[in-house]
């Protein structure tokens, strides 16, 4: 799911990372909610308390609307995070999910 105001390349990086991990991905709108599919994943960016720097990206899965797995990928100390890193974090999260399933 996308927050709706992120650039499209963020969704693409997450989608490619999950595909790299072996998942079939269908992007849905946030308004559809976690009950839109039997197995959904949401992601969002975490901003620091001053709201002036990115801390990282948070992933969470839901199975039949119930919380399942979560993970976090840290941004650089300066708050930077490149799309290749977002893709890598999504892939790593997907691989860890597969190990636990």
PDB file of N, CA and C in Angstrom:
ATOM      1  N   UNK A   1       0.838  -1.176   0.000  1.00  0.00           N
ATOM      2  CA  UNK A   1       0.000   0.000   0.000  1.00  0.00           C
ATOM      3  C   UNK A   1       0.877   1.231   0.000  1.00  0.00           C
ATOM      4  N   UNK A   2       0.436   2.226  -0.634  1.00  0.00           N
ATOM      5  CA  UNK A   2       1.147   3.493  -0.661  1.00  0.00           C
ATOM      6  C   UNK A   2       0.438   4.491   0.244  1.00  0.00           C
ATOM      7  N   UNK A   3       1.191   5.419   0.776  1.00  0.00           N
ATOM      8  CA  UNK A   3       0.586   6.478   1.575  1.00  0.00           C
ATOM      9  C   UNK A   3      -0.169   7.462   0.698  1.00  0.00           C
ATOM     10  N   UNK A   4      -0.005   7.355  -0.611  1.00  0.00           N
ATOM     11  CA  UNK A   4      -0.768   8.181  -1.516  1.00  0.00           C
ATOM     12  C   UNK A   4      -0.074   9.462  -1.928  1.00  0.00           C
ATOM     13  N   UNK A   5       0.906   9.919  -1.157  1.00  0.00           N
ATOM     14  CA  UNK A   5       1.577  11.166  -1.520  1.00  0.00           C
ATOM     15  C   UNK A   5       3.056  10.946  -1.798  1.00  0.00           C
ATOM     16  N   UNK A   6       3.487   9.704  -1.826  1.00  0.00           N
ATOM     17  CA  UNK A   6       4.883   9.397  -2.120  1.00  0.00           C
ATOM     18  C   UNK A   6       5.077   9.330  -3.622  1.00  0.00           C
ATOM     19  N   UNK A   7       6.263   9.674  -4.086  1.00  0.00           N
ATOM     20  CA  UNK A   7       6.529   9.574  -5.524  1.00  0.00           C
ATOM     21  C   UNK A   7       6.349   8.127  -5.994  1.00  0.00           C
ATOM     22  N   UNK A   8       5.930   7.922  -7.242  1.00  0.00           N
ATOM     23  CA  UNK A   8       5.673   6.562  -7.733  1.00  0.00           C
ATOM     24  C   UNK A   8       6.905   5.657  -7.676  1.00  0.00           C
ATOM     25  N   UNK A   9       8.108   6.218  -7.728  1.00  0.00           N
ATOM     26  CA  UNK A   9       9.292   5.362  -7.705  1.00  0.00           C
ATOM     27  C   UNK A   9       9.456   4.655  -6.358  1.00  0.00           C
ATOM     28  N   UNK A  10       8.846   5.154  -5.308  1.00  0.00           N
ATOM     29  CA  UNK A  10       8.897   4.471  -4.013  1.00  0.00           C
ATOM     30  C   UNK A  10       8.076   3.190  -4.090  1.00  0.00           C
ATOM     31  N   UNK A  11       6.846   3.281  -4.609  1.00  0.00           N
ATOM     32  CA  UNK A  11       6.014   2.091  -4.795  1.00  0.00           C
ATOM     33  C   UNK A  11       6.732   1.078  -5.688  1.00  0.00           C
ATOM     34  N   UNK A  12       7.344   1.566  -6.758  1.00  0.00           N
ATOM     35  CA  UNK A  12       8.047   0.688  -7.692  1.00  0.00           C
ATOM     36  C   UNK A  12       9.206  -0.029  -7.008  1.00  0.00           C
ATOM     37  N   UNK A  13       9.950   0.673  -6.166  1.00  0.00           N
ATOM     38  CA  UNK A  13      11.089   0.062  -5.466  1.00  0.00           C
ATOM     39  C   UNK A  13      10.605  -1.027  -4.512  1.00  0.00           C
ATOM     40  N   UNK A  14       9.523  -0.761  -3.773  1.00  0.00           N
ATOM     41  CA  UNK A  14       8.970  -1.761  -2.854  1.00  0.00           C
ATOM     42  C   UNK A  14       8.448  -2.958  -3.645  1.00  0.00           C
ATOM     43  N   UNK A  15       7.707  -2.687  -4.711  1.00  0.00           N
ATOM     44  CA  UNK A  15       7.163  -3.765  -5.535  1.00  0.00           C
ATOM     45  C   UNK A  15       8.275  -4.635  -6.114  1.00  0.00           C
ATOM     46  N   UNK A  16       9.320  -4.020  -6.644  1.00  0.00           N
ATOM     47  CA  UNK A  16      10.429  -4.789  -7.227  1.00  0.00           C
ATOM     48  C   UNK A  16      11.162  -5.600  -6.166  1.00  0.00           C
ATOM     49  N   UNK A  17      11.344  -5.023  -4.978  1.00  0.00           N
ATOM     50  CA  UNK A  17      12.007  -5.755  -3.903  1.00  0.00           C
ATOM     51  C   UNK A  17      11.233  -6.991  -3.500  1.00  0.00           C
ATOM     52  N   UNK A  18       9.922  -6.861  -3.375  1.00  0.00           N
ATOM     53  CA  UNK A  18       9.093  -8.015  -3.006  1.00  0.00           C
ATOM     54  C   UNK A  18       9.055  -9.043  -4.120  1.00  0.00           C
ATOM     55  N   UNK A  19       9.033  -8.580  -5.376  1.00  0.00           N
ATOM     56  CA  UNK A  19       9.078  -9.488  -6.520  1.00  0.00           C
ATOM     57  C   UNK A  19      10.417 -10.228  -6.535  1.00  0.00           C
ATOM     58  N   UNK A  20      11.501  -9.505  -6.246  1.00  0.00           N
ATOM     59  CA  UNK A  20      12.827 -10.130  -6.166  1.00  0.00           C
ATOM     60  C   UNK A  20      12.846 -11.250  -5.119  1.00  0.00           C
ATOM     61  N   UNK A  21      12.076 -11.065  -4.048  1.00  0.00           N
ATOM     62  CA  UNK A  21      12.018 -12.069  -2.976  1.00  0.00           C
ATOM     63  C   UNK A  21      11.136 -13.254  -3.340  1.00  0.00           C
ATOM     64  N   UNK A  22      10.350 -13.128  -4.425  1.00  0.00           N
ATOM     65  CA  UNK A  22       9.533 -14.240  -4.878  1.00  0.00           C
ATOM     66  C   UNK A  22       8.033 -14.058  -4.717  1.00  0.00           C
ATOM     67  N   UNK A  23       7.606 -12.855  -4.353  1.00  0.00           N
ATOM     68  CA  UNK A  23       6.174 -12.609  -4.168  1.00  0.00           C
ATOM     69  C   UNK A  23       5.526 -12.114  -5.450  1.00  0.00           C
ATOM     70  N   UNK A  24       4.255 -12.445  -5.606  1.00  0.00           N
ATOM     71  CA  UNK A  24       3.429 -11.831  -6.634  1.00  0.00           C
ATOM     72  C   UNK A  24       2.800 -10.616  -5.968  1.00  0.00           C
ATOM     73  N   UNK A  25       2.983  -9.441  -6.552  1.00  0.00           N
ATOM     74  CA  UNK A  25       2.570  -8.197  -5.912  1.00  0.00           C
ATOM     75  C   UNK A  25       1.439  -7.551  -6.693  1.00  0.00           C
ATOM     76  N   UNK A  26       0.438  -7.103  -5.960  1.00  0.00           N
ATOM     77  CA  UNK A  26      -0.647  -6.296  -6.529  1.00  0.00           C
ATOM     78  C   UNK A  26      -0.780  -5.082  -5.627  1.00  0.00           C
ATOM     79  N   UNK A  27      -0.512  -3.916  -6.156  1.00  0.00           N
ATOM     80  CA  UNK A  27      -0.607  -2.685  -5.371  1.00  0.00           C
ATOM     81  C   UNK A  27      -2.077  -2.302  -5.230  1.00  0.00           C
ATOM     82  N   UNK A  28      -2.448  -1.925  -4.025  1.00  0.00           N
ATOM     83  CA  UNK A  28      -3.813  -1.465  -3.761  1.00  0.00           C
ATOM     84  C   UNK A  28      -3.744  -0.077  -3.130  1.00  0.00           C
ATOM     85  N   UNK A  29      -4.841   0.624  -3.154  1.00  0.00           N
ATOM     86  CA  UNK A  29      -4.899   1.951  -2.545  1.00  0.00           C
ATOM     87  C   UNK A  29      -5.051   1.814  -1.042  1.00  0.00           C
ATOM     88  N   UNK A  30      -4.471   2.746  -0.316  1.00  0.00           N
ATOM     89  CA  UNK A  30      -4.537   2.714   1.135  1.00  0.00           C
ATOM     90  C   UNK A  30      -5.983   2.715   1.625  1.00  0.00           C
ATOM     91  N   UNK A  31      -6.849   3.355   0.888  1.00  0.00           N
ATOM     92  CA  UNK A  31      -8.253   3.442   1.294  1.00  0.00           C
ATOM     93  C   UNK A  31      -8.940   2.071   1.267  1.00  0.00           C
ATOM     94  N   UNK A  32      -8.351   1.096   0.565  1.00  0.00           N
ATOM     95  CA  UNK A  32      -8.932  -0.242   0.516  1.00  0.00           C
ATOM     96  C   UNK A  32      -8.713  -0.995   1.822  1.00  0.00           C
ATOM     97  N   UNK A  33      -7.699  -0.628   2.576  1.00  0.00           N
ATOM     98  CA  UNK A  33      -7.452  -1.230   3.880  1.00  0.00           C
ATOM     99  C   UNK A  33      -6.854  -2.621   3.818  1.00  0.00           C
ATOM    100  N   UNK A  34      -6.472  -3.128   4.997  1.00  0.00           N
ATOM    101  CA  UNK A  34      -5.776  -4.411   5.082  1.00  0.00           C
ATOM    102  C   UNK A  34      -6.690  -5.604   4.879  1.00  0.00           C
ATOM    103  N   UNK A  35      -7.983  -5.378   4.794  1.00  0.00           N
ATOM    104  CA  UNK A  35      -8.909  -6.476   4.514  1.00  0.00           C
ATOM    105  C   UNK A  35      -9.170  -6.641   3.022  1.00  0.00           C
ATOM    106  N   UNK A  36      -8.477  -5.850   2.195  1.00  0.00           N
ATOM    107  CA  UNK A  36      -8.681  -5.911   0.746  1.00  0.00           C
ATOM    108  C   UNK A  36      -8.136  -7.202   0.142  1.00  0.00           C
ATOM    109  N   UNK A  37      -7.271  -7.881   0.859  1.00  0.00           N
ATOM    110  CA  UNK A  37      -6.718  -9.136   0.369  1.00  0.00           C
ATOM    111  C   UNK A  37      -6.394 -10.033   1.560  1.00  0.00           C
ATOM    112  N   UNK A  38      -6.225 -11.311   1.285  1.00  0.00           N
ATOM    113  CA  UNK A  38      -5.960 -12.255   2.372  1.00  0.00           C
ATOM    114  C   UNK A  38      -4.599 -12.013   3.013  1.00  0.00           C
ATOM    115  N   UNK A  39      -3.644 -11.537   2.224  1.00  0.00           N
ATOM    116  CA  UNK A  39      -2.296 -11.302   2.733  1.00  0.00           C
ATOM    117  C   UNK A  39      -1.810  -9.965   2.188  1.00  0.00           C
ATOM    118  N   UNK A  40      -1.816  -8.931   3.036  1.00  0.00           N
ATOM    119  CA  UNK A  40      -1.441  -7.575   2.622  1.00  0.00           C
ATOM    120  C   UNK A  40      -0.194  -7.105   3.367  1.00  0.00           C
ATOM    121  N   UNK A  41       0.519  -6.196   2.740  1.00  0.00           N
ATOM    122  CA  UNK A  41       1.652  -5.545   3.383  1.00  0.00           C
ATOM    123  C   UNK A  41       1.486  -4.038   3.238  1.00  0.00           C
ATOM    124  N   UNK A  42       1.756  -3.320   4.300  1.00  0.00           N
ATOM    125  CA  UNK A  42       1.774  -1.865   4.251  1.00  0.00           C
ATOM    126  C   UNK A  42       3.191  -1.402   4.552  1.00  0.00           C
ATOM    127  N   UNK A  43       3.512  -0.221   4.088  1.00  0.00           N
ATOM    128  CA  UNK A  43       4.800   0.367   4.450  1.00  0.00           C
ATOM    129  C   UNK A  43       4.616   1.850   4.626  1.00  0.00           C
ATOM    130  N   UNK A  44       5.478   2.414   5.426  1.00  0.00           N
ATOM    131  CA  UNK A  44       5.454   3.866   5.643  1.00  0.00           C
ATOM    132  C   UNK A  44       6.841   4.321   6.057  1.00  0.00           C
ATOM    133  N   UNK A  45       7.092   5.584   5.873  1.00  0.00           N
ATOM    134  CA  UNK A  45       8.353   6.147   6.293  1.00  0.00           C
ATOM    135  C   UNK A  45       8.230   6.713   7.696  1.00  0.00           C
ATOM    136  N   UNK A  46       9.260   6.486   8.493  1.00  0.00           N
ATOM    137  CA  UNK A  46       9.295   7.033   9.842  1.00  0.00           C
ATOM    138  C   UNK A  46      10.163   8.291   9.820  1.00  0.00           C
ATOM    139  N   UNK A  47       9.604   9.377  10.340  1.00  0.00           N
ATOM    140  CA  UNK A  47      10.293  10.671  10.404  1.00  0.00           C
ATOM    141  C   UNK A  47      10.691  10.927  11.860  1.00  0.00           C
ATOM    142  N   UNK A  48      11.802  11.621  12.077  1.00  0.00           N
ATOM    143  CA  UNK A  48      12.238  11.882  13.449  1.00  0.00           C
ATOM    144  C   UNK A  48      11.294  12.847  14.161  1.00  0.00           C
ATOM    145  N   UNK A  49      11.500  13.022  15.476  1.00  0.00           N
ATOM    146  CA  UNK A  49      10.614  13.869  16.278  1.00  0.00           C
ATOM    147  C   UNK A  49      10.591  15.326  15.820  1.00  0.00           C
ATOM    148  N   UNK A  50      11.723  15.831  15.341  1.00  0.00           N
ATOM    149  CA  UNK A  50      11.776  17.213  14.848  1.00  0.00           C
ATOM    150  C   UNK A  50      11.086  17.363  13.492  1.00  0.00           C
ATOM    151  N   UNK A  51      10.755  16.228  12.883  1.00  0.00           N
ATOM    152  CA  UNK A  51      10.133  16.186  11.559  1.00  0.00           C
ATOM    153  C   UNK A  51      10.987  16.847  10.481  1.00  0.00           C
ATOM    154  N   UNK A  52      12.310  16.640  10.611  1.00  0.00           N
ATOM    155  CA  UNK A  52      13.196  17.225   9.617  1.00  0.00           C
ATOM    156  C   UNK A  52      14.142  16.202   8.974  1.00  0.00           C
ATOM    157  N   UNK A  53      13.983  14.923   9.333  1.00  0.00           N
ATOM    158  CA  UNK A  53      14.841  13.897   8.739  1.00  0.00           C
ATOM    159  C   UNK A  53      14.135  12.537   8.755  1.00  0.00           C
ATOM    160  N   UNK A  54      14.420  11.769   7.752  1.00  0.00           N
ATOM    161  CA  UNK A  54      13.890  10.417   7.634  1.00  0.00           C
ATOM    162  C   UNK A  54      14.689   9.491   8.545  1.00  0.00           C
ATOM    163  N   UNK A  55      13.992   8.643   9.299  1.00  0.00           N
ATOM    164  CA  UNK A  55      14.667   7.633  10.125  1.00  0.00           C
ATOM    165  C   UNK A  55      14.722   6.283   9.423  1.00  0.00           C
ATOM    166  N   UNK A  56      13.719   5.988   8.605  1.00  0.00           N
ATOM    167  CA  UNK A  56      13.729   4.718   7.893  1.00  0.00           C
ATOM    168  C   UNK A  56      12.374   4.363   7.330  1.00  0.00           C
ATOM    169  N   UNK A  57      12.269   3.123   6.865  1.00  0.00           N
ATOM    170  CA  UNK A  57      11.038   2.620   6.282  1.00  0.00           C
ATOM    171  C   UNK A  57      10.551   1.438   7.122  1.00  0.00           C
ATOM    172  N   UNK A  58       9.257   1.428   7.424  1.00  0.00           N
ATOM    173  CA  UNK A  58       8.623   0.412   8.260  1.00  0.00           C
ATOM    174  C   UNK A  58       7.707  -0.428   7.390  1.00  0.00           C
ATOM    175  N   UNK A  59       7.811  -1.747   7.521  1.00  0.00           N
ATOM    176  CA  UNK A  59       6.963  -2.688   6.797  1.00  0.00           C
ATOM    177  C   UNK A  59       6.134  -3.480   7.802  1.00  0.00           C
ATOM    178  N   UNK A  60       4.892  -3.792   7.444  1.00  0.00           N
ATOM    179  CA  UNK A  60       4.063  -4.660   8.268  1.00  0.00           C
ATOM    180  C   UNK A  60       3.126  -5.447   7.376  1.00  0.00           C
ATOM    181  N   UNK A  61       2.982  -6.735   7.689  1.00  0.00           N
ATOM    182  CA  UNK A  61       2.053  -7.576   6.938  1.00  0.00           C
ATOM    183  C   UNK A  61       0.838  -7.899   7.792  1.00  0.00           C
ATOM    184  N   UNK A  62      -0.239  -8.190   7.083  1.00  0.00           N
ATOM    185  CA  UNK A  62      -1.502  -8.576   7.702  1.00  0.00           C
ATOM    186  C   UNK A  62      -2.028  -9.797   6.962  1.00  0.00           C
ATOM    187  N   UNK A  63      -2.475 -10.796   7.708  1.00  0.00           N
ATOM    188  CA  UNK A  63      -3.101 -11.970   7.118  1.00  0.00           C
ATOM    189  C   UNK A  63      -4.540 -11.993   7.614  1.00  0.00           C
ATOM    190  N   UNK A  64      -5.462 -11.922   6.664  1.00  0.00           N
ATOM    191  CA  UNK A  64      -6.892 -11.863   6.988  1.00  0.00           C
ATOM    192  C   UNK A  64      -7.199 -10.747   7.989  1.00  0.00           C
ATOM    193  N   UNK A  65      -6.544  -9.599   7.814  1.00  0.00           N
ATOM    194  CA  UNK A  65      -6.792  -8.425   8.641  1.00  0.00           C
ATOM    195  C   UNK A  65      -6.069  -8.411   9.972  1.00  0.00           C
ATOM    196  N   UNK A  66      -5.351  -9.490  10.309  1.00  0.00           N
ATOM    197  CA  UNK A  66      -4.631  -9.570  11.583  1.00  0.00           C
ATOM    198  C   UNK A  66      -3.139  -9.287  11.367  1.00  0.00           C
ATOM    199  N   UNK A  67      -2.522  -8.543  12.289  1.00  0.00           N
ATOM    200  CA  UNK A  67      -1.093  -8.252  12.188  1.00  0.00           C
ATOM    201  C   UNK A  67      -0.296  -9.552  12.149  1.00  0.00           C
ATOM    202  N   UNK A  68       0.762  -9.538  11.321  1.00  0.00           N
ATOM    203  CA  UNK A  68       1.562 -10.747  11.167  1.00  0.00           C
ATOM    204  C   UNK A  68       3.039 -10.449  11.433  1.00  0.00           C
ATOM    205  N   UNK A  69       3.760  -9.924  10.451  1.00  0.00           N
ATOM    206  CA  UNK A  69       5.187  -9.641  10.595  1.00  0.00           C
ATOM    207  C   UNK A  69       5.440  -8.150  10.437  1.00  0.00           C
ATOM    208  N   UNK A  70       6.553  -7.685  11.012  1.00  0.00           N
ATOM    209  CA  UNK A  70       6.968  -6.301  10.791  1.00  0.00           C
ATOM    210  C   UNK A  70       8.481  -6.231  10.679  1.00  0.00           C
ATOM    211  N   UNK A  71       8.943  -5.181  10.035  1.00  0.00           N
ATOM    212  CA  UNK A  71      10.374  -4.975   9.861  1.00  0.00           C
ATOM    213  C   UNK A  71      10.663  -3.506   9.638  1.00  0.00           C
ATOM    214  N   UNK A  72      11.924  -3.135   9.794  1.00  0.00           N
ATOM    215  CA  UNK A  72      12.331  -1.735   9.674  1.00  0.00           C
ATOM    216  C   UNK A  72      13.676  -1.659   8.983  1.00  0.00           C
ATOM    217  N   UNK A  73      13.785  -0.752   8.013  1.00  0.00           N
ATOM    218  CA  UNK A  73      15.045  -0.481   7.339  1.00  0.00           C
ATOM    219  C   UNK A  73      15.483   0.938   7.662  1.00  0.00           C
ATOM    220  N   UNK A  74      16.678   1.083   8.189  1.00  0.00           N
ATOM    221  CA  UNK A  74      17.156   2.398   8.628  1.00  0.00           C
ATOM    222  C   UNK A  74      17.672   3.253   7.476  1.00  0.00           C
ATOM    223  N   UNK A  75      17.409   4.544   7.595  1.00  0.00           N
ATOM    224  CA  UNK A  75      17.964   5.535   6.661  1.00  0.00           C
ATOM    225  C   UNK A  75      19.396   5.847   7.089  1.00  0.00           C
ATOM    226  N   UNK A  76      20.110   6.542   6.238  1.00  0.00           N
ATOM    227  CA  UNK A  76      21.453   7.015   6.594  1.00  0.00           C
ATOM    228  C   UNK A  76      21.338   8.045   7.718  1.00  0.00           C
ATOM    229  N   UNK A  77      22.414   8.260   8.477  1.00  0.00           N
ATOM    230  CA  UNK A  77      22.361   9.240   9.572  1.00  0.00           C
ATOM    231  C   UNK A  77      21.901  10.636   9.138  1.00  0.00           C
ATOM    232  N   UNK A  78      22.141  10.996   7.879  1.00  0.00           N
ATOM    233  CA  UNK A  78      21.706  12.306   7.393  1.00  0.00           C
ATOM    234  C   UNK A  78      20.247  12.303   6.917  1.00  0.00           C
ATOM    235  N   UNK A  79      19.555  11.162   7.073  1.00  0.00           N
ATOM    236  CA  UNK A  79      18.152  11.074   6.683  1.00  0.00           C
ATOM    237  C   UNK A  79      17.943  10.665   5.244  1.00  0.00           C
ATOM    238  N   UNK A  80      18.992  10.305   4.541  1.00  0.00           N
ATOM    239  CA  UNK A  80      18.886   9.935   3.134  1.00  0.00           C
ATOM    240  C   UNK A  80      18.556   8.455   2.995  1.00  0.00           C
ATOM    241  N   UNK A  81      17.781   8.115   1.972  1.00  0.00           N
ATOM    242  CA  UNK A  81      17.500   6.724   1.635  1.00  0.00           C
ATOM    243  C   UNK A  81      17.249   6.667   0.139  1.00  0.00           C
ATOM    244  N   UNK A  82      18.036   5.895  -0.543  1.00  0.00           N
ATOM    245  CA  UNK A  82      17.932   5.791  -2.000  1.00  0.00           C
ATOM    246  C   UNK A  82      16.946   4.685  -2.394  1.00  0.00           C
ATOM    247  N   UNK A  83      16.429   4.768  -3.625  1.00  0.00           N
ATOM    248  CA  UNK A  83      15.452   3.778  -4.069  1.00  0.00           C
ATOM    249  C   UNK A  83      16.048   2.373  -4.089  1.00  0.00           C
ATOM    250  N   UNK A  84      17.334   2.243  -4.421  1.00  0.00           N
ATOM    251  CA  UNK A  84      17.973   0.919  -4.417  1.00  0.00           C
ATOM    252  C   UNK A  84      17.963   0.332  -3.000  1.00  0.00           C
ATOM    253  N   UNK A  85      18.092   1.177  -2.003  1.00  0.00           N
ATOM    254  CA  UNK A  85      18.061   0.708  -0.613  1.00  0.00           C
ATOM    255  C   UNK A  85      16.639   0.312  -0.210  1.00  0.00           C
ATOM    256  N   UNK A  86      15.657   1.079  -0.666  1.00  0.00           N
ATOM    257  CA  UNK A  86      14.262   0.732  -0.384  1.00  0.00           C
ATOM    258  C   UNK A  86      13.953  -0.629  -0.991  1.00  0.00           C
ATOM    259  N   UNK A  87      14.387  -0.848  -2.228  1.00  0.00           N
ATOM    260  CA  UNK A  87      14.185  -2.136  -2.891  1.00  0.00           C
ATOM    261  C   UNK A  87      14.871  -3.252  -2.114  1.00  0.00           C
ATOM    262  N   UNK A  88      16.103  -3.006  -1.672  1.00  0.00           N
ATOM    263  CA  UNK A  88      16.840  -4.025  -0.920  1.00  0.00           C
ATOM    264  C   UNK A  88      16.167  -4.339   0.418  1.00  0.00           C
ATOM    265  N   UNK A  89      15.694  -3.321   1.109  1.00  0.00           N
ATOM    266  CA  UNK A  89      14.987  -3.552   2.373  1.00  0.00           C
ATOM    267  C   UNK A  89      13.704  -4.339   2.143  1.00  0.00           C
ATOM    268  N   UNK A  90      12.954  -4.011   1.084  1.00  0.00           N
ATOM    269  CA  UNK A  90      11.717  -4.737   0.776  1.00  0.00           C
ATOM    270  C   UNK A  90      12.030  -6.197   0.452  1.00  0.00           C
ATOM    271  N   UNK A  91      13.087  -6.428  -0.305  1.00  0.00           N
ATOM    272  CA  UNK A  91      13.483  -7.801  -0.637  1.00  0.00           C
ATOM    273  C   UNK A  91      13.866  -8.556   0.629  1.00  0.00           C
ATOM    274  N   UNK A  92      14.674  -7.943   1.473  1.00  0.00           N
ATOM    275  CA  UNK A  92      15.096  -8.584   2.721  1.00  0.00           C
ATOM    276  C   UNK A  92      13.885  -8.910   3.602  1.00  0.00           C
ATOM    277  N   UNK A  93      12.957  -7.969   3.701  1.00  0.00           N
ATOM    278  CA  UNK A  93      11.750  -8.199   4.490  1.00  0.00           C
ATOM    279  C   UNK A  93      10.956  -9.365   3.906  1.00  0.00           C
ATOM    280  N   UNK A  94      10.793  -9.375   2.591  1.00  0.00           N
ATOM    281  CA  UNK A  94      10.069 -10.463   1.930  1.00  0.00           C
ATOM    282  C   UNK A  94      10.725 -11.809   2.159  1.00  0.00           C
ATOM    283  N   UNK A  95      12.040 -11.863   2.074  1.00  0.00           N
ATOM    284  CA  UNK A  95      12.757 -13.124   2.298  1.00  0.00           C
ATOM    285  C   UNK A  95      12.579 -13.609   3.733  1.00  0.00           C
ATOM    286  N   UNK A  96      12.629 -12.685   4.690  1.00  0.00           N
ATOM    287  CA  UNK A  96      12.413 -13.067   6.095  1.00  0.00           C
ATOM    288  C   UNK A  96      10.987 -13.570   6.312  1.00  0.00           C
ATOM    289  N   UNK A  97      10.018 -12.954   5.639  1.00  0.00           N
ATOM    290  CA  UNK A  97       8.631 -13.417   5.723  1.00  0.00           C
ATOM    291  C   UNK A  97       8.506 -14.842   5.220  1.00  0.00           C
ATOM    292  N   UNK A  98       9.124 -15.115   4.079  1.00  0.00           N
ATOM    293  CA  UNK A  98       9.050 -16.462   3.490  1.00  0.00           C
ATOM    294  C   UNK A  98       9.644 -17.508   4.426  1.00  0.00           C
ATOM    295  N   UNK A  99      10.721 -17.154   5.120  1.00  0.00           N
ATOM    296  CA  UNK A  99      11.349 -18.085   6.071  1.00  0.00           C
ATOM    297  C   UNK A  99      10.399 -18.428   7.221  1.00  0.00           C
ATOM    298  N   UNK A 100       9.565 -17.469   7.630  1.00  0.00           N
ATOM    299  CA  UNK A 100       8.680 -17.656   8.774  1.00  0.00           C
ATOM    300  C   UNK A 100       7.340 -18.284   8.395  1.00  0.00           C
ATOM    301  N   UNK A 101       7.041 -18.319   7.115  1.00  0.00           N
ATOM    302  CA  UNK A 101       5.724 -18.823   6.674  1.00  0.00           C
ATOM    303  C   UNK A 101       5.720 -20.336   6.599  1.00  0.00           C
TER     304      UNK A 101
END
